[in-house]
Structure formats: C-alpha cells, structure tokens
Amino acid sequence: ALLGCGSCFLSFVIPPVAYFVVGLLNKVYWVSSRGYSIGQGIMNLRVVDKDGGLIPMGTAMLRLVCQVALCFVPIIGGLLDLLFPLFDEPTRQTLHDKAVGTYVIKV
C-alpha cells in the first residue's frame, strides 16, 4: 500500500511542481522581460496585455500559477485549457490567459 501511495505522489505532484520550477525562468522571467518563452519565440508568438504591451512579472507569475493549478485537474483541466482557444471564437484565449487578461499573438 505504501508503494502505491508513493507512485501516486510521483504521478500527480512531481510533474506540476517541476513545471512550476522550470516555468519561473521560461514563463515568468522571459515572458515578462522579452514577451515570449523559448517555444513561443520559435513559433514567433508573443504574450501581451490588452494594450499590446509586455506583461508585468506579477501577471506572468499569476498566469503560471493558473497553468499549474489546471495541471492538478487530471486530463480535463490541462486538456481543456489547451483546447479552449478552438472554441473561443472572438479572442482565442486559453483559460489561463482569460484568468489574467493576456493574449498570445502571432508576430
């Protein structure tokens, strides 16, 4: 029984925590200072506020916390967040972008 509890911990807690730690540099610092993460830079995407400017570090941090929180809702949370832009016709925002008022635009 103890082994099952340990593997449950490894499966549901470690990945979101690791995502959060790596996200501090990639999704908070870089997005707030230059407007894009590593993957967004490759795809020529920028994260902007409603006025088209860079987002502050606090907003980037809250955006990351929302992404990680959705990871704790297995399958439905993360998957719904990623697929939400397909159904959000006017703005094409993910759930975590809606939560903090950011937009991802093609440059």
Foldseek 3Di string as FASTA:
>chain_A
DVVVVVVVCVVQPVVLVVLLVVCLVFQQVCCQPPFHGPVCVVQQKGKAAPVRHGDHSVLSNQLSVQQSVLSNVPPCSNVQQVCVLVVPPPQSHGPSCVVSRMHMDHD
